C-alpha cells in the first residue's frame, strides 16, 4: 500500500530510502542500500581499470613475445609466420 502526502499543487510519494549528499539512508538507518550501491560502483570502476590495463599491456606482451593467459601465467609460444 503506497502512502502519499497530498498538497494543494502536488502529491509526494513516501519512500523507504532517501539519498542526501550521496549517502543512501533507509528508515532503519542501517545504510545497507548505501553499502550495496557503493559496492556496485566500486566494482564497476575496478573492472573499467582492469579492462584499460589489459588493453595497454596486451600489445606489450606481443611485442616482447610473451603470450600468457593473464590468469595462470602459463606461457604459450607465439606463432611466427614464415611468410
C-alpha atoms as a PDB file:
ATOM      1  CA  UNK A   1       0.000   0.000   0.000  1.00  0.00           C
ATOM      2  CA  UNK A   2       1.640   3.207  -1.164  1.00  0.00           C
ATOM      3  CA  UNK A   3       1.307   6.163   1.125  1.00  0.00           C
ATOM      4  CA  UNK A   4       1.366   9.705  -0.155  1.00  0.00           C
ATOM      5  CA  UNK A   5       1.206  13.245   1.109  1.00  0.00           C
ATOM      6  CA  UNK A   6      -1.283  15.310  -0.836  1.00  0.00           C
ATOM      7  CA  UNK A   7      -0.595  19.037  -1.110  1.00  0.00           C
ATOM      8  CA  UNK A   8      -2.634  21.647  -2.975  1.00  0.00           C
ATOM      9  CA  UNK A   9      -0.388  21.563  -6.055  1.00  0.00           C
ATOM     10  CA  UNK A  10       1.406  18.202  -5.786  1.00  0.00           C
ATOM     11  CA  UNK A  11       1.375  14.707  -4.379  1.00  0.00           C
ATOM     12  CA  UNK A  12       4.512  13.440  -2.642  1.00  0.00           C
ATOM     13  CA  UNK A  13       5.005   9.664  -2.521  1.00  0.00           C
ATOM     14  CA  UNK A  14       6.684   8.181   0.543  1.00  0.00           C
ATOM     15  CA  UNK A  15       9.864   6.175   0.039  1.00  0.00           C
ATOM     16  CA  UNK A  16      11.712   3.599   2.138  1.00  0.00           C
ATOM     17  CA  UNK A  17      15.074   5.163   1.267  1.00  0.00           C
ATOM     18  CA  UNK A  18      16.361   8.664   0.679  1.00  0.00           C
ATOM     19  CA  UNK A  19      19.597   9.874  -0.904  1.00  0.00           C
ATOM     20  CA  UNK A  20      21.140  13.052   0.513  1.00  0.00           C
ATOM     21  CA  UNK A  21      24.640  14.326  -0.295  1.00  0.00           C
ATOM     22  CA  UNK A  22      25.408  10.982  -1.961  1.00  0.00           C
ATOM     23  CA  UNK A  23      24.503   8.890   1.102  1.00  0.00           C
ATOM     24  CA  UNK A  24      21.578   6.455   0.838  1.00  0.00           C
ATOM     25  CA  UNK A  25      19.673   6.115   4.120  1.00  0.00           C
ATOM     26  CA  UNK A  26      16.788   3.776   4.886  1.00  0.00           C
ATOM     27  CA  UNK A  27      14.111   4.075   7.542  1.00  0.00           C
ATOM     28  CA  UNK A  28      16.156   1.950   9.995  1.00  0.00           C
ATOM     29  CA  UNK A  29      19.426   3.867   9.339  1.00  0.00           C
ATOM     30  CA  UNK A  30      21.232   0.602   8.507  1.00  0.00           C
ATOM     31  CA  UNK A  31      22.940   2.041   5.398  1.00  0.00           C
ATOM     32  CA  UNK A  32      22.588  -1.398   3.733  1.00  0.00           C
ATOM     33  CA  UNK A  33      21.366   0.198   0.491  1.00  0.00           C
ATOM     34  CA  UNK A  34      24.232   2.700   0.600  1.00  0.00           C
ATOM     35  CA  UNK A  35      26.822  -0.060   1.022  1.00  0.00           C
ATOM     36  CA  UNK A  36      25.266  -2.088  -1.802  1.00  0.00           C
ATOM     37  CA  UNK A  37      25.292   0.918  -4.152  1.00  0.00           C
ATOM     38  CA  UNK A  38      28.868   1.795  -3.170  1.00  0.00           C
ATOM     39  CA  UNK A  39      29.998  -1.802  -3.783  1.00  0.00           C
ATOM     40  CA  UNK A  40      28.386  -1.846  -7.238  1.00  0.00           C
ATOM     41  CA  UNK A  41      30.062   1.446  -8.106  1.00  0.00           C
ATOM     42  CA  UNK A  42      33.491   0.292  -6.889  1.00  0.00           C
ATOM     43  CA  UNK A  43      33.307  -2.994  -8.798  1.00  0.00           C
ATOM     44  CA  UNK A  44      32.285  -1.106 -11.945  1.00  0.00           C
ATOM     45  CA  UNK A  45      35.303   1.212 -11.753  1.00  0.00           C
ATOM     46  CA  UNK A  46      37.702  -1.604 -10.830  1.00  0.00           C
ATOM     47  CA  UNK A  47      36.514  -3.523 -13.893  1.00  0.00           C
ATOM     48  CA  UNK A  48      36.964  -0.447 -16.097  1.00  0.00           C
ATOM     49  CA  UNK A  49      40.527  -0.007 -14.792  1.00  0.00           C
ATOM     50  CA  UNK A  50      41.262  -3.707 -15.405  1.00  0.00           C
ATOM     51  CA  UNK A  51      39.970  -3.509 -18.979  1.00  0.00           C
ATOM     52  CA  UNK A  52      42.084  -0.403 -19.598  1.00  0.00           C
ATOM     53  CA  UNK A  53      45.178  -2.002 -18.092  1.00  0.00           C
ATOM     54  CA  UNK A  54      44.734  -5.139 -20.216  1.00  0.00           C
ATOM     55  CA  UNK A  55      44.365  -3.072 -23.370  1.00  0.00           C
ATOM     56  CA  UNK A  56      47.672  -1.343 -22.580  1.00  0.00           C
ATOM     57  CA  UNK A  57      49.572  -4.485 -21.585  1.00  0.00           C
ATOM     58  CA  UNK A  58      48.349  -6.769 -24.386  1.00  0.00           C
ATOM     59  CA  UNK A  59      50.383  -5.009 -27.141  1.00  0.00           C
ATOM     60  CA  UNK A  60      53.425  -5.030 -24.859  1.00  0.00           C
ATOM     61  CA  UNK A  61      53.094  -8.776 -24.322  1.00  0.00           C
ATOM     62  CA  UNK A  62      53.002  -9.374 -28.062  1.00  0.00           C
ATOM     63  CA  UNK A  63      55.965  -7.105 -28.718  1.00  0.00           C
ATOM     64  CA  UNK A  64      58.209  -8.985 -26.273  1.00  0.00           C
ATOM     65  CA  UNK A  65      56.984 -12.439 -27.345  1.00  0.00           C
ATOM     66  CA  UNK A  66      55.103 -13.304 -24.169  1.00  0.00           C
ATOM     67  CA  UNK A  67      51.566 -14.522 -24.624  1.00  0.00           C
ATOM     68  CA  UNK A  68      50.332 -15.771 -21.253  1.00  0.00           C
ATOM     69  CA  UNK A  69      46.686 -16.236 -20.479  1.00  0.00           C
ATOM     70  CA  UNK A  70      46.795 -13.469 -17.854  1.00  0.00           C
ATOM     71  CA  UNK A  71      45.412 -15.559 -15.013  1.00  0.00           C
ATOM     72  CA  UNK A  72      47.537 -18.669 -14.531  1.00  0.00           C
ATOM     73  CA  UNK A  73      50.683 -17.154 -16.019  1.00  0.00           C
ATOM     74  CA  UNK A  74      51.200 -20.130 -18.313  1.00  0.00           C
ATOM     75  CA  UNK A  75      53.267 -19.087 -21.276  1.00  0.00           C
ATOM     76  CA  UNK A  76      52.414 -20.074 -24.799  1.00  0.00           C
ATOM     77  CA  UNK A  77      54.770 -19.794 -27.708  1.00  0.00           C
ATOM     78  CA  UNK A  78      53.919 -17.003 -30.151  1.00  0.00           C
ATOM     79  CA  UNK A  79      53.099 -18.150 -33.636  1.00  0.00           C
ATOM     80  CA  UNK A  80      55.648 -16.888 -36.150  1.00  0.00           C
ATOM     81  CA  UNK A  81      54.726 -16.788 -39.790  1.00  0.00           C
ATOM     82  CA  UNK A  82      57.445 -17.809 -42.257  1.00  0.00           C
ATOM     83  CA  UNK A  83      55.955 -15.615 -44.966  1.00  0.00           C
END
